[in-house]
Amino acid sequence: MSDSQAVQIANLEEAYRAFCQTLRALPPNAFLASLGDWTPRDIAAHFVGWNRITLVGSAQLREGVRPFYFDDGTNDYRRVNADFCARFASRDQSELLSQMDSAMGELVSYLRLVPEGEWELDTGVAHYRPGPATVARCVDSLIRDYRKHREEILAGSRPSV
């Protein structure tokens, strides 16, 4: 990673804010409209879960423990994401945004407490993609996911020409 811990946390917060702004701008029917494989509602449920397990996974990595969700990595996390969509089943936009906010707040609070020396520390846990699994790598994945899904929602909500 090239970004410092503080910069990476700021990037996560910015990607999260942009995603939430996009989600809040959707009318209720668009929140539940299909984008192909899932809806913006499903993506919001996905992020409630990912905010939570990124915190747990980061804590596990710092202890040299392989996060449970890595087992589903080569499956593009389909089982993990399906579980989040079922567990966070509300169809209410405000409720899911509130759950996302709560989980993100907990995650960012935790990440700010991670000592700088542990941010990119290789504790011997291998990622399913080549390279070590680190807190920095988990946060980077979440940043990219927020940006990707925001673009997916924006593309899906634009009128066809």
N, C-alpha and C. Protein backbone atom coordinates (compact mmCIF):
# COMPACT_ATOMS: atom_id res chain seq x y z
N MET A 1 0.84 -1.17 0.00
CA MET A 1 0.00 0.00 0.00
C MET A 1 0.89 1.24 0.00
N SER A 2 0.42 2.24 -0.65
CA SER A 2 1.21 3.47 -0.68
C SER A 2 0.62 4.54 0.23
N ASP A 3 -0.66 4.47 0.53
CA ASP A 3 -1.29 5.48 1.37
C ASP A 3 -1.06 5.17 2.85
N SER A 4 -0.92 6.23 3.62
CA SER A 4 -0.79 6.06 5.06
C SER A 4 -2.12 5.60 5.65
N GLN A 5 -2.09 5.17 6.88
CA GLN A 5 -3.28 4.75 7.58
C GLN A 5 -4.32 5.87 7.61
N ALA A 6 -3.90 7.08 7.96
CA ALA A 6 -4.84 8.20 8.04
C ALA A 6 -5.46 8.51 6.69
N VAL A 7 -4.66 8.47 5.65
CA VAL A 7 -5.17 8.73 4.30
C VAL A 7 -6.14 7.63 3.88
N GLN A 8 -5.81 6.40 4.19
CA GLN A 8 -6.69 5.30 3.81
C GLN A 8 -8.02 5.37 4.55
N ILE A 9 -8.00 5.72 5.83
CA ILE A 9 -9.25 5.87 6.58
C ILE A 9 -10.06 7.03 5.99
N ALA A 10 -9.40 8.12 5.66
CA ALA A 10 -10.10 9.26 5.04
C ALA A 10 -10.70 8.85 3.70
N ASN A 11 -9.99 8.04 2.92
CA ASN A 11 -10.52 7.55 1.64
C ASN A 11 -11.73 6.65 1.84
N LEU A 12 -11.68 5.84 2.89
CA LEU A 12 -12.83 4.98 3.21
C LEU A 12 -14.04 5.84 3.57
N GLU A 13 -13.82 6.84 4.41
CA GLU A 13 -14.93 7.71 4.81
C GLU A 13 -15.50 8.46 3.61
N GLU A 14 -14.65 8.91 2.71
CA GLU A 14 -15.12 9.64 1.53
C GLU A 14 -15.89 8.70 0.59
N ALA A 15 -15.38 7.49 0.35
CA ALA A 15 -16.08 6.53 -0.51
C ALA A 15 -17.43 6.17 0.10
N TYR A 16 -17.47 6.03 1.42
CA TYR A 16 -18.71 5.72 2.12
C TYR A 16 -19.71 6.87 1.99
N ARG A 17 -19.26 8.10 2.23
CA ARG A 17 -20.15 9.27 2.12
C ARG A 17 -20.73 9.38 0.70
N ALA A 18 -19.88 9.20 -0.30
CA ALA A 18 -20.34 9.30 -1.69
C ALA A 18 -21.37 8.22 -1.99
N PHE A 19 -21.11 7.01 -1.50
CA PHE A 19 -22.05 5.91 -1.70
C PHE A 19 -23.40 6.23 -1.05
N CYS A 20 -23.36 6.69 0.20
CA CYS A 20 -24.59 7.01 0.93
C CYS A 20 -25.35 8.14 0.26
N GLN A 21 -24.64 9.14 -0.22
CA GLN A 21 -25.28 10.25 -0.93
C GLN A 21 -26.02 9.73 -2.17
N THR A 22 -25.39 8.83 -2.89
CA THR A 22 -26.01 8.23 -4.08
C THR A 22 -27.24 7.43 -3.68
N LEU A 23 -27.14 6.66 -2.62
CA LEU A 23 -28.25 5.83 -2.16
C LEU A 23 -29.41 6.70 -1.69
N ARG A 24 -29.11 7.76 -0.95
CA ARG A 24 -30.17 8.65 -0.44
C ARG A 24 -30.91 9.37 -1.57
N ALA A 25 -30.23 9.59 -2.69
CA ALA A 25 -30.84 10.30 -3.82
C ALA A 25 -31.80 9.42 -4.63
N LEU A 26 -31.78 8.12 -4.38
CA LEU A 26 -32.65 7.21 -5.13
C LEU A 26 -34.09 7.30 -4.65
N PRO A 27 -35.02 7.37 -5.57
CA PRO A 27 -36.42 7.25 -5.15
C PRO A 27 -36.68 5.81 -4.68
N PRO A 28 -37.70 5.62 -3.84
CA PRO A 28 -37.96 4.28 -3.29
C PRO A 28 -38.07 3.17 -4.34
N ASN A 29 -38.70 3.44 -5.47
CA ASN A 29 -38.83 2.38 -6.48
C ASN A 29 -37.46 2.01 -7.07
N ALA A 30 -36.54 2.98 -7.20
CA ALA A 30 -35.21 2.69 -7.72
C ALA A 30 -34.37 1.93 -6.68
N PHE A 31 -34.62 2.18 -5.40
CA PHE A 31 -33.91 1.48 -4.33
C PHE A 31 -34.16 -0.02 -4.41
N LEU A 32 -35.35 -0.39 -4.89
CA LEU A 32 -35.72 -1.81 -4.97
C LEU A 32 -35.64 -2.36 -6.40
N ALA A 33 -35.19 -1.56 -7.35
CA ALA A 33 -35.14 -1.99 -8.76
C ALA A 33 -33.88 -2.80 -9.03
N SER A 34 -34.03 -3.78 -9.88
CA SER A 34 -32.91 -4.66 -10.24
C SER A 34 -31.83 -3.92 -11.01
N LEU A 35 -30.60 -4.21 -10.64
CA LEU A 35 -29.43 -3.72 -11.38
C LEU A 35 -28.75 -4.89 -12.10
N GLY A 36 -29.46 -5.97 -12.22
CA GLY A 36 -28.88 -7.19 -12.79
C GLY A 36 -28.94 -8.30 -11.75
N ASP A 37 -27.82 -8.50 -11.06
CA ASP A 37 -27.77 -9.56 -10.05
C ASP A 37 -28.41 -9.17 -8.72
N TRP A 38 -28.50 -7.85 -8.45
CA TRP A 38 -29.10 -7.41 -7.20
C TRP A 38 -29.59 -5.99 -7.31
N THR A 39 -30.17 -5.51 -6.22
CA THR A 39 -30.77 -4.17 -6.19
C THR A 39 -29.92 -3.26 -5.30
N PRO A 40 -30.14 -1.95 -5.34
CA PRO A 40 -29.45 -1.08 -4.39
C PRO A 40 -29.74 -1.47 -2.94
N ARG A 41 -30.95 -1.97 -2.66
CA ARG A 41 -31.28 -2.46 -1.32
C ARG A 41 -30.34 -3.60 -0.93
N ASP A 42 -30.12 -4.52 -1.86
CA ASP A 42 -29.22 -5.65 -1.59
C ASP A 42 -27.79 -5.16 -1.34
N ILE A 43 -27.37 -4.18 -2.11
CA ILE A 43 -26.02 -3.64 -1.95
C ILE A 43 -25.89 -2.97 -0.58
N ALA A 44 -26.92 -2.25 -0.16
CA ALA A 44 -26.89 -1.64 1.17
C ALA A 44 -26.78 -2.72 2.26
N ALA A 45 -27.56 -3.79 2.15
CA ALA A 45 -27.49 -4.89 3.11
C ALA A 45 -26.08 -5.51 3.10
N HIS A 46 -25.54 -5.66 1.92
CA HIS A 46 -24.18 -6.17 1.73
C HIS A 46 -23.19 -5.32 2.53
N PHE A 47 -23.34 -3.99 2.47
CA PHE A 47 -22.40 -3.12 3.17
C PHE A 47 -22.62 -3.09 4.68
N VAL A 48 -23.83 -3.29 5.15
CA VAL A 48 -24.02 -3.41 6.60
C VAL A 48 -23.14 -4.56 7.09
N GLY A 49 -23.24 -5.67 6.39
CA GLY A 49 -22.45 -6.84 6.76
C GLY A 49 -20.96 -6.65 6.57
N TRP A 50 -20.55 -6.09 5.45
CA TRP A 50 -19.11 -5.93 5.18
C TRP A 50 -18.47 -4.93 6.14
N ASN A 51 -19.18 -3.90 6.54
CA ASN A 51 -18.61 -2.98 7.53
C ASN A 51 -18.34 -3.75 8.82
N ARG A 52 -19.26 -4.62 9.19
CA ARG A 52 -19.11 -5.39 10.43
C ARG A 52 -17.98 -6.41 10.33
N ILE A 53 -17.95 -7.17 9.23
CA ILE A 53 -16.93 -8.23 9.19
C ILE A 53 -15.55 -7.69 8.82
N THR A 54 -15.47 -6.51 8.26
CA THR A 54 -14.15 -5.91 8.05
C THR A 54 -13.53 -5.58 9.40
N LEU A 55 -14.34 -5.13 10.34
CA LEU A 55 -13.85 -4.88 11.70
C LEU A 55 -13.38 -6.20 12.33
N VAL A 56 -14.23 -7.21 12.29
CA VAL A 56 -13.87 -8.51 12.88
C VAL A 56 -12.66 -9.11 12.18
N GLY A 57 -12.66 -9.07 10.85
CA GLY A 57 -11.55 -9.64 10.09
C GLY A 57 -10.24 -8.91 10.37
N SER A 58 -10.30 -7.60 10.51
CA SER A 58 -9.10 -6.82 10.81
C SER A 58 -8.54 -7.22 12.17
N ALA A 59 -9.42 -7.37 13.15
CA ALA A 59 -8.98 -7.80 14.48
C ALA A 59 -8.37 -9.19 14.42
N GLN A 60 -8.98 -10.09 13.64
CA GLN A 60 -8.44 -11.44 13.51
C GLN A 60 -7.06 -11.41 12.84
N LEU A 61 -6.92 -10.63 11.79
CA LEU A 61 -5.63 -10.55 11.10
C LEU A 61 -4.53 -10.05 12.03
N ARG A 62 -4.85 -9.09 12.86
CA ARG A 62 -3.85 -8.57 13.79
C ARG A 62 -3.38 -9.64 14.76
N GLU A 63 -4.23 -10.64 14.99
CA GLU A 63 -3.87 -11.76 15.88
C GLU A 63 -3.29 -12.94 15.11
N GLY A 64 -3.18 -12.82 13.79
CA GLY A 64 -2.65 -13.91 12.98
C GLY A 64 -3.67 -14.98 12.68
N VAL A 65 -4.96 -14.64 12.78
CA VAL A 65 -6.05 -15.59 12.53
C VAL A 65 -6.68 -15.28 11.17
N ARG A 66 -6.91 -16.30 10.40
CA ARG A 66 -7.52 -16.16 9.09
C ARG A 66 -9.01 -15.87 9.24
N PRO A 67 -9.50 -14.74 8.69
CA PRO A 67 -10.93 -14.43 8.80
C PRO A 67 -11.79 -15.49 8.13
N PHE A 68 -12.92 -15.83 8.76
CA PHE A 68 -13.79 -16.89 8.26
C PHE A 68 -14.25 -16.63 6.84
N TYR A 69 -14.48 -15.39 6.49
CA TYR A 69 -15.05 -15.09 5.17
C TYR A 69 -14.07 -15.32 4.03
N PHE A 70 -12.78 -15.47 4.33
CA PHE A 70 -11.82 -15.78 3.27
C PHE A 70 -12.16 -17.09 2.57
N ASP A 71 -12.84 -18.00 3.29
CA ASP A 71 -13.22 -19.29 2.70
C ASP A 71 -14.14 -19.13 1.50
N ASP A 72 -14.85 -18.01 1.43
CA ASP A 72 -15.79 -17.77 0.34
C ASP A 72 -15.20 -16.84 -0.74
N GLY A 73 -13.95 -16.47 -0.59
CA GLY A 73 -13.32 -15.52 -1.50
C GLY A 73 -13.25 -15.99 -2.94
N THR A 74 -12.89 -17.23 -3.14
CA THR A 74 -12.79 -17.73 -4.52
C THR A 74 -14.17 -17.91 -5.15
N ASN A 75 -15.21 -17.81 -4.35
CA ASN A 75 -16.60 -17.88 -4.82
C ASN A 75 -17.16 -16.46 -4.98
N ASP A 76 -16.28 -15.46 -5.02
CA ASP A 76 -16.65 -14.05 -5.11
C ASP A 76 -17.56 -13.65 -3.95
N TYR A 77 -17.39 -14.30 -2.82
CA TYR A 77 -18.14 -14.02 -1.59
C TYR A 77 -19.65 -14.15 -1.77
N ARG A 78 -20.08 -15.02 -2.66
CA ARG A 78 -21.51 -15.17 -2.93
C ARG A 78 -22.29 -15.64 -1.71
N ARG A 79 -21.76 -16.62 -0.97
CA ARG A 79 -22.48 -17.11 0.21
C ARG A 79 -22.52 -16.05 1.30
N VAL A 80 -21.40 -15.37 1.51
CA VAL A 80 -21.35 -14.31 2.52
C VAL A 80 -22.34 -13.21 2.17
N ASN A 81 -22.34 -12.77 0.91
CA ASN A 81 -23.24 -11.69 0.49
C ASN A 81 -24.70 -12.12 0.56
N ALA A 82 -25.01 -13.35 0.19
CA ALA A 82 -26.39 -13.84 0.28
C ALA A 82 -26.85 -13.84 1.74
N ASP A 83 -25.94 -14.20 2.64
CA ASP A 83 -26.28 -14.18 4.06
C ASP A 83 -26.59 -12.75 4.52
N PHE A 84 -25.80 -11.78 4.08
CA PHE A 84 -26.06 -10.39 4.45
C PHE A 84 -27.40 -9.90 3.92
N CYS A 85 -27.71 -10.27 2.68
CA CYS A 85 -28.99 -9.84 2.09
C CYS A 85 -30.17 -10.42 2.86
N ALA A 86 -30.01 -11.64 3.36
CA ALA A 86 -31.08 -12.27 4.14
C ALA A 86 -31.12 -11.72 5.57
N ARG A 87 -29.96 -11.54 6.18
CA ARG A 87 -29.90 -11.11 7.57
C ARG A 87 -30.34 -9.65 7.74
N PHE A 88 -29.97 -8.81 6.82
CA PHE A 88 -30.35 -7.40 6.87
C PHE A 88 -31.43 -7.19 5.83
N ALA A 89 -32.61 -7.72 6.13
CA ALA A 89 -33.67 -7.91 5.14
C ALA A 89 -34.61 -6.72 4.96
N SER A 90 -34.40 -5.67 5.71
CA SER A 90 -35.31 -4.52 5.58
C SER A 90 -35.35 -4.02 4.15
N ARG A 91 -36.51 -3.55 3.75
CA ARG A 91 -36.67 -2.93 2.44
C ARG A 91 -36.78 -1.41 2.59
N ASP A 92 -36.59 -0.95 3.83
CA ASP A 92 -36.68 0.46 4.15
C ASP A 92 -35.30 1.11 3.99
N GLN A 93 -35.22 2.06 3.10
CA GLN A 93 -33.98 2.74 2.76
C GLN A 93 -33.35 3.40 4.00
N SER A 94 -34.14 4.11 4.77
CA SER A 94 -33.64 4.81 5.96
C SER A 94 -33.11 3.83 7.00
N GLU A 95 -33.81 2.73 7.18
CA GLU A 95 -33.37 1.74 8.17
C GLU A 95 -32.02 1.15 7.78
N LEU A 96 -31.87 0.77 6.52
CA LEU A 96 -30.60 0.19 6.08
C LEU A 96 -29.47 1.22 6.15
N LEU A 97 -29.76 2.46 5.78
CA LEU A 97 -28.74 3.51 5.89
C LEU A 97 -28.32 3.71 7.35
N SER A 98 -29.26 3.64 8.26
CA SER A 98 -28.95 3.76 9.68
C SER A 98 -28.07 2.59 10.14
N GLN A 99 -28.38 1.40 9.70
CA GLN A 99 -27.56 0.22 10.04
C GLN A 99 -26.16 0.35 9.45
N MET A 100 -26.07 0.85 8.21
CA MET A 100 -24.76 1.06 7.59
C MET A 100 -23.97 2.10 8.39
N ASP A 101 -24.62 3.20 8.77
CA ASP A 101 -23.95 4.26 9.53
C ASP A 101 -23.39 3.73 10.85
N SER A 102 -24.20 2.97 11.54
CA SER A 102 -23.77 2.41 12.81
C SER A 102 -22.55 1.51 12.63
N ALA A 103 -22.64 0.61 11.66
CA ALA A 103 -21.54 -0.33 11.43
C ALA A 103 -20.29 0.40 10.95
N MET A 104 -20.44 1.41 10.09
CA MET A 104 -19.28 2.17 9.62
C MET A 104 -18.66 2.95 10.77
N GLY A 105 -19.48 3.52 11.62
CA GLY A 105 -18.95 4.25 12.77
C GLY A 105 -18.10 3.35 13.66
N GLU A 106 -18.58 2.15 13.91
CA GLU A 106 -17.81 1.20 14.72
C GLU A 106 -16.52 0.81 14.02
N LEU A 107 -16.59 0.58 12.71
CA LEU A 107 -15.40 0.19 11.96
C LEU A 107 -14.35 1.29 11.99
N VAL A 108 -14.74 2.52 11.68
CA VAL A 108 -13.78 3.63 11.65
C VAL A 108 -13.19 3.87 13.05
N SER A 109 -14.01 3.78 14.07
CA SER A 109 -13.50 3.94 15.44
C SER A 109 -12.44 2.88 15.74
N TYR A 110 -12.70 1.66 15.33
CA TYR A 110 -11.73 0.58 15.53
C TYR A 110 -10.45 0.85 14.73
N LEU A 111 -10.62 1.19 13.45
CA LEU A 111 -9.45 1.39 12.59
C LEU A 111 -8.54 2.50 13.11
N ARG A 112 -9.11 3.52 13.70
CA ARG A 112 -8.29 4.62 14.24
C ARG A 112 -7.45 4.18 15.44
N LEU A 113 -7.86 3.08 16.07
CA LEU A 113 -7.11 2.56 17.23
C LEU A 113 -6.02 1.57 16.84
N VAL A 114 -6.01 1.13 15.59
CA VAL A 114 -4.98 0.18 15.15
C VAL A 114 -3.64 0.92 15.11
N PRO A 115 -2.64 0.42 15.82
CA PRO A 115 -1.33 1.07 15.78
C PRO A 115 -0.78 1.09 14.35
N GLU A 116 -0.15 2.20 13.99
CA GLU A 116 0.40 2.36 12.64
C GLU A 116 1.26 1.16 12.24
N GLY A 117 2.02 0.64 13.17
CA GLY A 117 2.90 -0.50 12.88
C GLY A 117 2.17 -1.79 12.57
N GLU A 118 0.88 -1.85 12.88
CA GLU A 118 0.10 -3.06 12.59
C GLU A 118 -0.77 -2.90 11.35
N TRP A 119 -0.82 -1.71 10.78
CA TRP A 119 -1.69 -1.43 9.65
C TRP A 119 -1.38 -2.33 8.45
N GLU A 120 -0.10 -2.46 8.14
CA GLU A 120 0.31 -3.28 7.00
C GLU A 120 1.13 -4.49 7.44
N LEU A 121 1.01 -4.85 8.69
CA LEU A 121 1.79 -5.95 9.24
C LEU A 121 1.36 -7.29 8.65
N ASP A 122 2.31 -8.04 8.18
CA ASP A 122 2.08 -9.40 7.68
C ASP A 122 2.19 -10.34 8.87
N THR A 123 1.04 -10.88 9.31
CA THR A 123 1.03 -11.79 10.46
C THR A 123 1.03 -13.25 10.02
N GLY A 124 1.29 -13.47 8.73
CA GLY A 124 1.37 -14.84 8.22
C GLY A 124 0.08 -15.36 7.62
N VAL A 125 -0.96 -14.55 7.59
CA VAL A 125 -2.22 -14.96 7.00
C VAL A 125 -2.18 -14.62 5.52
N ALA A 126 -2.38 -15.63 4.69
CA ALA A 126 -2.36 -15.42 3.25
C ALA A 126 -3.76 -15.10 2.76
N HIS A 127 -3.84 -14.19 1.84
CA HIS A 127 -5.09 -13.85 1.17
C HIS A 127 -5.30 -14.88 0.07
N TYR A 128 -6.54 -15.10 -0.37
CA TYR A 128 -6.76 -16.06 -1.44
C TYR A 128 -6.18 -15.56 -2.76
N ARG A 129 -6.05 -14.25 -2.89
CA ARG A 129 -5.28 -13.69 -4.00
C ARG A 129 -3.85 -13.60 -3.50
N PRO A 130 -2.88 -13.63 -4.37
CA PRO A 130 -1.49 -13.62 -3.90
C PRO A 130 -1.17 -12.45 -2.99
N GLY A 131 -0.39 -12.75 -1.97
CA GLY A 131 0.07 -11.72 -1.06
C GLY A 131 -0.51 -11.88 0.33
N PRO A 132 0.08 -11.16 1.28
CA PRO A 132 -0.39 -11.25 2.66
C PRO A 132 -1.70 -10.50 2.86
N ALA A 133 -2.47 -10.99 3.79
CA ALA A 133 -3.71 -10.30 4.20
C ALA A 133 -3.33 -9.35 5.33
N THR A 134 -3.68 -8.09 5.16
CA THR A 134 -3.38 -7.07 6.17
C THR A 134 -4.62 -6.22 6.42
N VAL A 135 -4.60 -5.46 7.49
CA VAL A 135 -5.68 -4.52 7.76
C VAL A 135 -5.79 -3.54 6.60
N ALA A 136 -4.66 -3.02 6.15
CA ALA A 136 -4.65 -2.06 5.04
C ALA A 136 -5.29 -2.65 3.79
N ARG A 137 -5.02 -3.90 3.52
CA ARG A 137 -5.59 -4.55 2.34
C ARG A 137 -7.10 -4.72 2.48
N CYS A 138 -7.57 -5.05 3.67
CA CYS A 138 -9.01 -5.18 3.90
C CYS A 138 -9.71 -3.83 3.69
N VAL A 139 -9.12 -2.77 4.21
CA VAL A 139 -9.70 -1.44 4.08
C VAL A 139 -9.69 -1.03 2.60
N ASP A 140 -8.60 -1.30 1.92
CA ASP A 140 -8.52 -0.97 0.50
C ASP A 140 -9.61 -1.70 -0.30
N SER A 141 -9.85 -2.95 0.01
CA SER A 141 -10.91 -3.71 -0.67
C SER A 141 -12.28 -3.07 -0.44
N LEU A 142 -12.52 -2.64 0.79
CA LEU A 142 -13.81 -2.02 1.11
C LEU A 142 -13.97 -0.67 0.39
N ILE A 143 -12.90 0.10 0.31
CA ILE A 143 -12.94 1.36 -0.43
C ILE A 143 -13.30 1.11 -1.89
N ARG A 144 -12.61 0.16 -2.50
CA ARG A 144 -12.88 -0.16 -3.92
C ARG A 144 -14.31 -0.65 -4.10
N ASP A 145 -14.82 -1.42 -3.15
CA ASP A 145 -16.17 -1.96 -3.24
C ASP A 145 -17.21 -0.83 -3.16
N TYR A 146 -17.01 0.11 -2.24
CA TYR A 146 -17.93 1.25 -2.16
C TYR A 146 -17.94 2.03 -3.47
N ARG A 147 -16.78 2.28 -4.02
CA ARG A 147 -16.70 3.04 -5.27
C ARG A 147 -17.34 2.28 -6.43
N LYS A 148 -17.05 0.99 -6.52
CA LYS A 148 -17.59 0.17 -7.61
C LYS A 148 -19.12 0.11 -7.55
N HIS A 149 -19.66 -0.14 -6.37
CA HIS A 149 -21.11 -0.26 -6.25
C HIS A 149 -21.82 1.08 -6.41
N ARG A 150 -21.17 2.17 -6.04
CA ARG A 150 -21.74 3.49 -6.29
C ARG A 150 -21.88 3.70 -7.79
N GLU A 151 -20.83 3.38 -8.53
CA GLU A 151 -20.88 3.52 -9.99
C GLU A 151 -21.94 2.60 -10.61
N GLU A 152 -22.06 1.41 -10.06
CA GLU A 152 -23.08 0.47 -10.53
C GLU A 152 -24.48 1.05 -10.34
N ILE A 153 -24.73 1.65 -9.19
CA ILE A 153 -26.04 2.24 -8.91
C ILE A 153 -26.27 3.45 -9.81
N LEU A 154 -25.25 4.29 -9.95
CA LEU A 154 -25.40 5.46 -10.83
C LEU A 154 -25.69 5.03 -12.27
N ALA A 155 -24.98 4.04 -12.76
CA ALA A 155 -25.20 3.56 -14.14
C ALA A 155 -26.59 2.96 -14.29
N GLY A 156 -27.04 2.25 -13.27
CA GLY A 156 -28.36 1.62 -13.33
C GLY A 156 -29.52 2.57 -13.17
N SER A 157 -29.27 3.75 -12.61
CA SER A 157 -30.36 4.70 -12.39
C SER A 157 -30.41 5.79 -13.45
N ARG A 158 -29.46 5.76 -14.40
CA ARG A 158 -29.49 6.74 -15.48
C ARG A 158 -30.51 6.31 -16.52
N PRO A 159 -31.24 7.26 -17.05
CA PRO A 159 -32.21 6.91 -18.10
C PRO A 159 -31.48 6.37 -19.33
N SER A 160 -32.09 5.40 -19.98
CA SER A 160 -31.53 4.84 -21.21
C SER A 160 -31.68 5.86 -22.33
N VAL A 161 -30.71 5.88 -23.21
CA VAL A 161 -30.77 6.81 -24.34
C VAL A 161 -31.11 6.06 -25.59
